[in-house]
Amino acid sequence: MTDRTQASFIPSDCIHLEGIRAYGYTGFFVEEQKLGQWYELELKLWLDVSKPAQTDCLDDTYDYSADIQVIMNLIRTAKFRLIERLAAAIADIILTSGKVEQVYVRLTKVNPPIPNFTGTVSIEITRTVR
């Protein structure tokens, strides 16, 4: 068995948040910044839920509802040139809660206004509290 320190241990408990959608203007191309596009967001949040599983108390877990609103507002208002920057900003919001140890972000541009392109563009990042 491996000796794991508290700093390196990532809980196996995970909250999945899927289907988050917002319209935003992040993009390298002028068309993306002017016309915008829909974004879809999937999040996986690793945290220890053993205490809230016992107490049934919201204060003992991560209350994601407020951060979802902050993230949706960020997507709507940010003017980043790169989707990588937007994904990293989303991860930072989650990790600053102090309750999430690791976050996975999958951010997808749905039908970005890129000439002759009808697909999607996604970025996946994983960040851990340091």
N, C-alpha and C. Protein backbone atom coordinates (compact mmCIF):
# COMPACT_ATOMS: atom_id res chain seq x y z
N MET A 1 0.85 -1.18 0.00
CA MET A 1 0.00 0.00 0.00
C MET A 1 0.89 1.24 0.00
N THR A 2 0.53 2.23 -0.76
CA THR A 2 1.30 3.46 -0.87
C THR A 2 0.92 4.42 0.25
N ASP A 3 1.91 5.07 0.81
CA ASP A 3 1.67 6.09 1.82
C ASP A 3 1.28 7.39 1.12
N ARG A 4 0.06 7.88 1.39
CA ARG A 4 -0.40 9.11 0.75
C ARG A 4 -0.49 10.21 1.79
N THR A 5 0.10 11.35 1.48
CA THR A 5 -0.02 12.49 2.37
C THR A 5 -1.35 13.18 2.11
N GLN A 6 -1.80 13.98 3.05
CA GLN A 6 -3.06 14.71 2.90
C GLN A 6 -3.02 15.63 1.68
N ALA A 7 -1.87 16.25 1.41
CA ALA A 7 -1.76 17.21 0.30
C ALA A 7 -1.88 16.52 -1.06
N SER A 8 -1.47 15.25 -1.16
CA SER A 8 -1.49 14.60 -2.46
C SER A 8 -2.73 13.72 -2.67
N PHE A 9 -3.52 13.54 -1.64
CA PHE A 9 -4.69 12.67 -1.73
C PHE A 9 -5.85 13.40 -2.41
N ILE A 10 -6.40 12.78 -3.44
CA ILE A 10 -7.58 13.30 -4.12
C ILE A 10 -8.74 12.36 -3.79
N PRO A 11 -9.81 12.88 -3.20
CA PRO A 11 -10.95 12.01 -2.87
C PRO A 11 -11.51 11.33 -4.13
N SER A 12 -12.09 10.16 -3.93
CA SER A 12 -12.71 9.48 -5.05
C SER A 12 -14.16 9.92 -5.24
N ASP A 13 -14.69 10.71 -4.31
CA ASP A 13 -16.04 11.24 -4.43
C ASP A 13 -16.05 12.33 -5.50
N CYS A 14 -17.08 12.34 -6.33
CA CYS A 14 -17.09 13.26 -7.46
C CYS A 14 -18.51 13.72 -7.74
N ILE A 15 -18.69 15.02 -7.85
CA ILE A 15 -19.94 15.63 -8.28
C ILE A 15 -19.83 15.94 -9.76
N HIS A 16 -20.81 15.52 -10.55
CA HIS A 16 -20.83 15.81 -11.99
C HIS A 16 -21.89 16.88 -12.25
N LEU A 17 -21.49 17.91 -12.99
CA LEU A 17 -22.42 18.95 -13.41
C LEU A 17 -22.38 18.98 -14.93
N GLU A 18 -23.49 18.74 -15.56
CA GLU A 18 -23.54 18.64 -17.02
C GLU A 18 -24.68 19.49 -17.57
N GLY A 19 -24.55 19.86 -18.84
CA GLY A 19 -25.62 20.59 -19.50
C GLY A 19 -25.69 22.06 -19.17
N ILE A 20 -24.62 22.62 -18.65
CA ILE A 20 -24.58 24.06 -18.38
C ILE A 20 -24.36 24.75 -19.72
N ARG A 21 -25.24 25.67 -20.07
CA ARG A 21 -25.16 26.37 -21.37
C ARG A 21 -25.23 27.87 -21.15
N ALA A 22 -24.41 28.59 -21.92
CA ALA A 22 -24.45 30.05 -21.90
C ALA A 22 -23.91 30.56 -23.23
N TYR A 23 -24.35 31.74 -23.62
CA TYR A 23 -23.92 32.36 -24.87
C TYR A 23 -22.80 33.33 -24.54
N GLY A 24 -21.67 33.23 -25.28
CA GLY A 24 -20.53 34.08 -24.97
C GLY A 24 -19.76 34.52 -26.20
N TYR A 25 -18.72 35.32 -25.95
CA TYR A 25 -17.99 36.00 -27.01
C TYR A 25 -16.49 35.75 -26.97
N THR A 26 -16.06 34.69 -26.34
CA THR A 26 -14.64 34.32 -26.34
C THR A 26 -14.30 33.70 -27.68
N GLY A 27 -13.20 34.14 -28.26
CA GLY A 27 -12.76 33.55 -29.52
C GLY A 27 -11.67 34.38 -30.17
N PHE A 28 -10.88 33.72 -30.95
CA PHE A 28 -9.77 34.36 -31.65
C PHE A 28 -10.26 35.17 -32.85
N PHE A 29 -11.27 34.63 -33.54
CA PHE A 29 -11.74 35.27 -34.75
C PHE A 29 -12.71 36.41 -34.44
N VAL A 30 -12.66 37.45 -35.27
CA VAL A 30 -13.52 38.61 -35.10
C VAL A 30 -14.99 38.19 -35.06
N GLU A 31 -15.36 37.25 -35.90
CA GLU A 31 -16.75 36.78 -35.93
C GLU A 31 -17.18 36.21 -34.58
N GLU A 32 -16.28 35.51 -33.93
CA GLU A 32 -16.61 34.94 -32.62
C GLU A 32 -16.81 36.03 -31.58
N GLN A 33 -15.98 37.06 -31.65
CA GLN A 33 -16.06 38.14 -30.67
C GLN A 33 -17.26 39.05 -30.91
N LYS A 34 -17.70 39.15 -32.17
CA LYS A 34 -18.86 39.99 -32.48
C LYS A 34 -20.17 39.23 -32.41
N LEU A 35 -20.22 38.06 -33.04
CA LEU A 35 -21.46 37.29 -33.11
C LEU A 35 -21.66 36.38 -31.91
N GLY A 36 -20.57 35.90 -31.35
CA GLY A 36 -20.65 34.99 -30.23
C GLY A 36 -21.05 33.59 -30.64
N GLN A 37 -21.17 32.72 -29.66
CA GLN A 37 -21.60 31.35 -29.87
C GLN A 37 -22.04 30.76 -28.54
N TRP A 38 -22.78 29.64 -28.65
CA TRP A 38 -23.19 28.93 -27.45
C TRP A 38 -22.02 28.11 -26.92
N TYR A 39 -21.95 28.04 -25.61
CA TYR A 39 -20.98 27.20 -24.92
C TYR A 39 -21.72 26.17 -24.09
N GLU A 40 -21.20 24.97 -24.08
CA GLU A 40 -21.69 23.92 -23.20
C GLU A 40 -20.57 23.56 -22.25
N LEU A 41 -20.92 23.31 -21.01
CA LEU A 41 -19.92 23.07 -19.98
C LEU A 41 -20.25 21.81 -19.20
N GLU A 42 -19.24 21.00 -19.02
CA GLU A 42 -19.32 19.82 -18.15
C GLU A 42 -18.24 19.98 -17.09
N LEU A 43 -18.61 19.75 -15.84
CA LEU A 43 -17.68 19.84 -14.73
C LEU A 43 -17.70 18.55 -13.92
N LYS A 44 -16.53 18.14 -13.45
CA LYS A 44 -16.42 17.06 -12.47
C LYS A 44 -15.63 17.64 -11.31
N LEU A 45 -16.18 17.49 -10.11
CA LEU A 45 -15.61 18.09 -8.92
C LEU A 45 -15.28 16.99 -7.92
N TRP A 46 -14.00 16.84 -7.60
CA TRP A 46 -13.58 15.84 -6.64
C TRP A 46 -13.46 16.49 -5.27
N LEU A 47 -14.17 15.90 -4.31
CA LEU A 47 -14.16 16.38 -2.95
C LEU A 47 -14.60 15.25 -2.03
N ASP A 48 -14.31 15.40 -0.78
CA ASP A 48 -14.71 14.40 0.20
C ASP A 48 -16.14 14.70 0.65
N VAL A 49 -17.05 13.80 0.36
CA VAL A 49 -18.45 14.01 0.75
C VAL A 49 -18.86 13.14 1.93
N SER A 50 -17.89 12.59 2.64
CA SER A 50 -18.24 11.71 3.76
C SER A 50 -18.98 12.46 4.87
N LYS A 51 -18.57 13.69 5.17
CA LYS A 51 -19.27 14.45 6.22
C LYS A 51 -20.69 14.82 5.81
N PRO A 52 -20.91 15.45 4.64
CA PRO A 52 -22.29 15.77 4.29
C PRO A 52 -23.16 14.53 4.06
N ALA A 53 -22.54 13.41 3.74
CA ALA A 53 -23.31 12.17 3.60
C ALA A 53 -23.87 11.75 4.95
N GLN A 54 -23.19 12.13 6.02
CA GLN A 54 -23.67 11.80 7.37
C GLN A 54 -24.61 12.88 7.91
N THR A 55 -24.24 14.16 7.70
CA THR A 55 -24.98 15.26 8.32
C THR A 55 -26.19 15.73 7.52
N ASP A 56 -26.17 15.48 6.19
CA ASP A 56 -27.24 15.96 5.30
C ASP A 56 -27.35 17.48 5.36
N CYS A 57 -26.21 18.16 5.55
CA CYS A 57 -26.17 19.60 5.71
C CYS A 57 -25.40 20.24 4.55
N LEU A 58 -26.02 21.20 3.90
CA LEU A 58 -25.40 21.87 2.76
C LEU A 58 -24.09 22.57 3.13
N ASP A 59 -24.01 23.10 4.34
CA ASP A 59 -22.79 23.79 4.77
C ASP A 59 -21.57 22.85 4.82
N ASP A 60 -21.80 21.55 4.86
CA ASP A 60 -20.70 20.59 4.94
C ASP A 60 -20.20 20.14 3.58
N THR A 61 -20.80 20.63 2.52
CA THR A 61 -20.38 20.23 1.18
C THR A 61 -20.18 21.47 0.32
N TYR A 62 -19.92 21.26 -0.93
CA TYR A 62 -19.72 22.36 -1.87
C TYR A 62 -21.07 22.74 -2.47
N ASP A 63 -21.49 23.97 -2.26
CA ASP A 63 -22.74 24.48 -2.82
C ASP A 63 -22.43 25.05 -4.19
N TYR A 64 -22.64 24.24 -5.22
CA TYR A 64 -22.26 24.62 -6.58
C TYR A 64 -23.24 25.60 -7.23
N SER A 65 -24.42 25.79 -6.67
CA SER A 65 -25.44 26.61 -7.33
C SER A 65 -24.98 28.06 -7.53
N ALA A 66 -24.34 28.66 -6.55
CA ALA A 66 -23.88 30.04 -6.70
C ALA A 66 -22.76 30.14 -7.73
N ASP A 67 -21.84 29.18 -7.72
CA ASP A 67 -20.73 29.22 -8.68
C ASP A 67 -21.20 28.99 -10.12
N ILE A 68 -22.25 28.22 -10.30
CA ILE A 68 -22.79 28.03 -11.65
C ILE A 68 -23.25 29.38 -12.21
N GLN A 69 -23.90 30.17 -11.38
CA GLN A 69 -24.35 31.49 -11.83
C GLN A 69 -23.16 32.39 -12.16
N VAL A 70 -22.12 32.35 -11.34
CA VAL A 70 -20.90 33.14 -11.59
C VAL A 70 -20.25 32.70 -12.89
N ILE A 71 -20.17 31.40 -13.11
CA ILE A 71 -19.56 30.85 -14.32
C ILE A 71 -20.37 31.23 -15.56
N MET A 72 -21.68 31.12 -15.48
CA MET A 72 -22.51 31.50 -16.63
C MET A 72 -22.35 32.98 -16.95
N ASN A 73 -22.24 33.81 -15.93
CA ASN A 73 -22.02 35.24 -16.15
C ASN A 73 -20.64 35.48 -16.76
N LEU A 74 -19.64 34.73 -16.31
CA LEU A 74 -18.30 34.85 -16.90
C LEU A 74 -18.33 34.51 -18.38
N ILE A 75 -18.98 33.41 -18.74
CA ILE A 75 -19.07 33.02 -20.14
C ILE A 75 -19.76 34.12 -20.95
N ARG A 76 -20.83 34.68 -20.40
CA ARG A 76 -21.59 35.72 -21.11
C ARG A 76 -20.81 37.02 -21.29
N THR A 77 -19.92 37.35 -20.36
CA THR A 77 -19.28 38.66 -20.37
C THR A 77 -17.80 38.66 -20.74
N ALA A 78 -17.13 37.52 -20.63
CA ALA A 78 -15.69 37.48 -20.89
C ALA A 78 -15.40 37.74 -22.37
N LYS A 79 -14.30 38.38 -22.61
CA LYS A 79 -13.86 38.67 -23.98
C LYS A 79 -12.47 38.07 -24.21
N PHE A 80 -12.23 36.88 -23.68
CA PHE A 80 -10.95 36.21 -23.88
C PHE A 80 -10.79 35.84 -25.34
N ARG A 81 -9.56 35.78 -25.79
CA ARG A 81 -9.30 35.36 -27.17
C ARG A 81 -9.24 33.84 -27.29
N LEU A 82 -8.90 33.17 -26.20
CA LEU A 82 -8.70 31.72 -26.26
C LEU A 82 -9.65 30.99 -25.32
N ILE A 83 -10.20 29.90 -25.82
CA ILE A 83 -11.08 29.06 -25.02
C ILE A 83 -10.30 28.45 -23.84
N GLU A 84 -9.00 28.26 -24.02
CA GLU A 84 -8.16 27.74 -22.93
C GLU A 84 -8.18 28.68 -21.73
N ARG A 85 -8.17 29.98 -21.99
CA ARG A 85 -8.19 30.96 -20.90
C ARG A 85 -9.53 30.94 -20.17
N LEU A 86 -10.61 30.82 -20.93
CA LEU A 86 -11.93 30.75 -20.32
C LEU A 86 -12.08 29.49 -19.47
N ALA A 87 -11.61 28.36 -19.96
CA ALA A 87 -11.68 27.11 -19.20
C ALA A 87 -10.88 27.21 -17.91
N ALA A 88 -9.70 27.82 -17.97
CA ALA A 88 -8.86 27.98 -16.77
C ALA A 88 -9.54 28.91 -15.76
N ALA A 89 -10.19 29.96 -16.23
CA ALA A 89 -10.90 30.87 -15.33
C ALA A 89 -12.06 30.15 -14.64
N ILE A 90 -12.73 29.27 -15.36
CA ILE A 90 -13.81 28.48 -14.77
C ILE A 90 -13.26 27.56 -13.68
N ALA A 91 -12.15 26.89 -13.97
CA ALA A 91 -11.53 26.01 -12.97
C ALA A 91 -11.13 26.80 -11.73
N ASP A 92 -10.60 27.99 -11.92
CA ASP A 92 -10.20 28.83 -10.78
C ASP A 92 -11.39 29.17 -9.88
N ILE A 93 -12.53 29.46 -10.48
CA ILE A 93 -13.73 29.77 -9.70
C ILE A 93 -14.09 28.59 -8.81
N ILE A 94 -14.07 27.39 -9.36
CA ILE A 94 -14.43 26.19 -8.60
C ILE A 94 -13.43 25.94 -7.47
N LEU A 95 -12.15 26.05 -7.78
CA LEU A 95 -11.12 25.72 -6.78
C LEU A 95 -11.04 26.74 -5.65
N THR A 96 -11.48 27.96 -5.87
CA THR A 96 -11.41 28.96 -4.81
C THR A 96 -12.47 28.74 -3.73
N SER A 97 -13.36 27.80 -3.95
CA SER A 97 -14.38 27.49 -2.93
C SER A 97 -13.76 26.95 -1.65
N GLY A 98 -12.59 26.34 -1.79
CA GLY A 98 -11.93 25.75 -0.63
C GLY A 98 -12.43 24.36 -0.28
N LYS A 99 -13.42 23.87 -0.99
CA LYS A 99 -13.97 22.54 -0.70
C LYS A 99 -13.64 21.51 -1.77
N VAL A 100 -13.37 21.97 -2.99
CA VAL A 100 -13.08 21.07 -4.10
C VAL A 100 -11.58 20.89 -4.22
N GLU A 101 -11.14 19.62 -4.27
CA GLU A 101 -9.71 19.31 -4.35
C GLU A 101 -9.19 19.28 -5.79
N GLN A 102 -10.08 18.87 -6.70
CA GLN A 102 -9.69 18.76 -8.10
C GLN A 102 -10.92 19.01 -8.96
N VAL A 103 -10.71 19.65 -10.12
CA VAL A 103 -11.82 19.94 -11.02
C VAL A 103 -11.42 19.57 -12.44
N TYR A 104 -12.37 19.00 -13.15
CA TYR A 104 -12.24 18.71 -14.58
C TYR A 104 -13.23 19.62 -15.28
N VAL A 105 -12.76 20.32 -16.30
CA VAL A 105 -13.60 21.23 -17.08
C VAL A 105 -13.57 20.79 -18.53
N ARG A 106 -14.74 20.60 -19.10
CA ARG A 106 -14.84 20.40 -20.56
C ARG A 106 -15.74 21.51 -21.07
N LEU A 107 -15.13 22.41 -21.84
CA LEU A 107 -15.84 23.56 -22.37
C LEU A 107 -15.92 23.41 -23.88
N THR A 108 -17.13 23.49 -24.41
CA THR A 108 -17.36 23.27 -25.84
C THR A 108 -18.01 24.50 -26.47
N LYS A 109 -17.44 24.95 -27.59
CA LYS A 109 -18.08 25.97 -28.42
C LYS A 109 -18.99 25.22 -29.38
N VAL A 110 -20.27 25.58 -29.38
CA VAL A 110 -21.24 24.92 -30.24
C VAL A 110 -21.44 25.79 -31.49
N ASN A 111 -21.14 25.23 -32.64
CA ASN A 111 -21.28 25.95 -33.91
C ASN A 111 -20.64 27.33 -33.89
N PRO A 112 -19.34 27.42 -33.61
CA PRO A 112 -18.70 28.74 -33.60
C PRO A 112 -18.76 29.37 -34.99
N PRO A 113 -18.87 30.69 -35.05
CA PRO A 113 -18.99 31.35 -36.35
C PRO A 113 -17.64 31.44 -37.08
N ILE A 114 -17.14 30.29 -37.45
CA ILE A 114 -15.91 30.18 -38.21
C ILE A 114 -16.29 29.79 -39.63
N PRO A 115 -15.81 30.53 -40.62
CA PRO A 115 -16.20 30.23 -42.00
C PRO A 115 -15.95 28.77 -42.39
N ASN A 116 -16.94 28.16 -43.02
CA ASN A 116 -16.87 26.79 -43.54
C ASN A 116 -16.64 25.74 -42.45
N PHE A 117 -17.08 26.00 -41.24
CA PHE A 117 -16.90 25.06 -40.13
C PHE A 117 -18.25 24.87 -39.45
N THR A 118 -18.70 23.63 -39.36
CA THR A 118 -20.01 23.36 -38.77
C THR A 118 -19.93 22.48 -37.52
N GLY A 119 -18.74 22.26 -37.02
CA GLY A 119 -18.58 21.36 -35.88
C GLY A 119 -18.53 22.09 -34.56
N THR A 120 -17.93 21.44 -33.60
CA THR A 120 -17.73 22.01 -32.27
C THR A 120 -16.25 22.04 -31.97
N VAL A 121 -15.88 22.87 -31.02
CA VAL A 121 -14.51 22.96 -30.53
C VAL A 121 -14.57 22.81 -29.02
N SER A 122 -13.76 21.90 -28.46
CA SER A 122 -13.77 21.67 -27.01
C SER A 122 -12.36 21.73 -26.45
N ILE A 123 -12.31 22.09 -25.19
CA ILE A 123 -11.06 22.02 -24.42
C ILE A 123 -11.39 21.27 -23.14
N GLU A 124 -10.49 20.41 -22.73
CA GLU A 124 -10.62 19.69 -21.47
C GLU A 124 -9.39 20.01 -20.63
N ILE A 125 -9.62 20.44 -19.39
CA ILE A 125 -8.51 20.67 -18.48
C ILE A 125 -8.86 20.08 -17.12
N THR A 126 -7.85 19.70 -16.39
CA THR A 126 -8.00 19.23 -15.02
C THR A 126 -7.04 20.04 -14.16
N ARG A 127 -7.55 20.58 -13.07
CA ARG A 127 -6.72 21.38 -12.16
C ARG A 127 -6.91 20.84 -10.75
N THR A 128 -5.84 20.90 -9.99
CA THR A 128 -5.83 20.42 -8.61
C THR A 128 -5.38 21.53 -7.68
N VAL A 129 -5.97 21.57 -6.48
CA VAL A 129 -5.52 22.52 -5.48
C VAL A 129 -4.06 22.25 -5.19
N ARG A 130 -3.28 23.29 -5.11
CA ARG A 130 -1.84 23.13 -4.84
C ARG A 130 -1.51 23.43 -3.42
